[in-house]
């Protein structure tokens, strides 16, 4: 898996431009299977997710997005995927080391959970299952 620093500026610029953003707007959030970036676009927070083709195919990602859109249509509060400038849910970028699938989402509303509270929340979730 590539790291944040191993993505070249042109790669990020191509990915961002597919969603009418620039790489200068992107702030790295982290990643393991994906590289995840945050950006502001027209006063809206966006999440740009870049996934190596070796991890997941475009069709698998489209299946995931189909499920998210179903949940959205049923009134569930989820981070909705956004169409690219080309009208695509998934943009594939070919690079010398393989292909990368890019998806842009509306950023979910809410706040980050403080680390000290994570264990309390995990205990509550376990209790919900009982």
Foldseek 3Di string as FASTA:
>chain_A
DDFPVVDDLVNLQVLQVQAPGGSVQWDWDDDDQWTWTWGADPNFIKIKIKGFCVSPNPVVVVVVLVVVVVCVVVPHQDFHWDATPVRDQWDWDADPVGIMIMIMTGDHDDDDDDPVCVVVVVVVVVVVVD
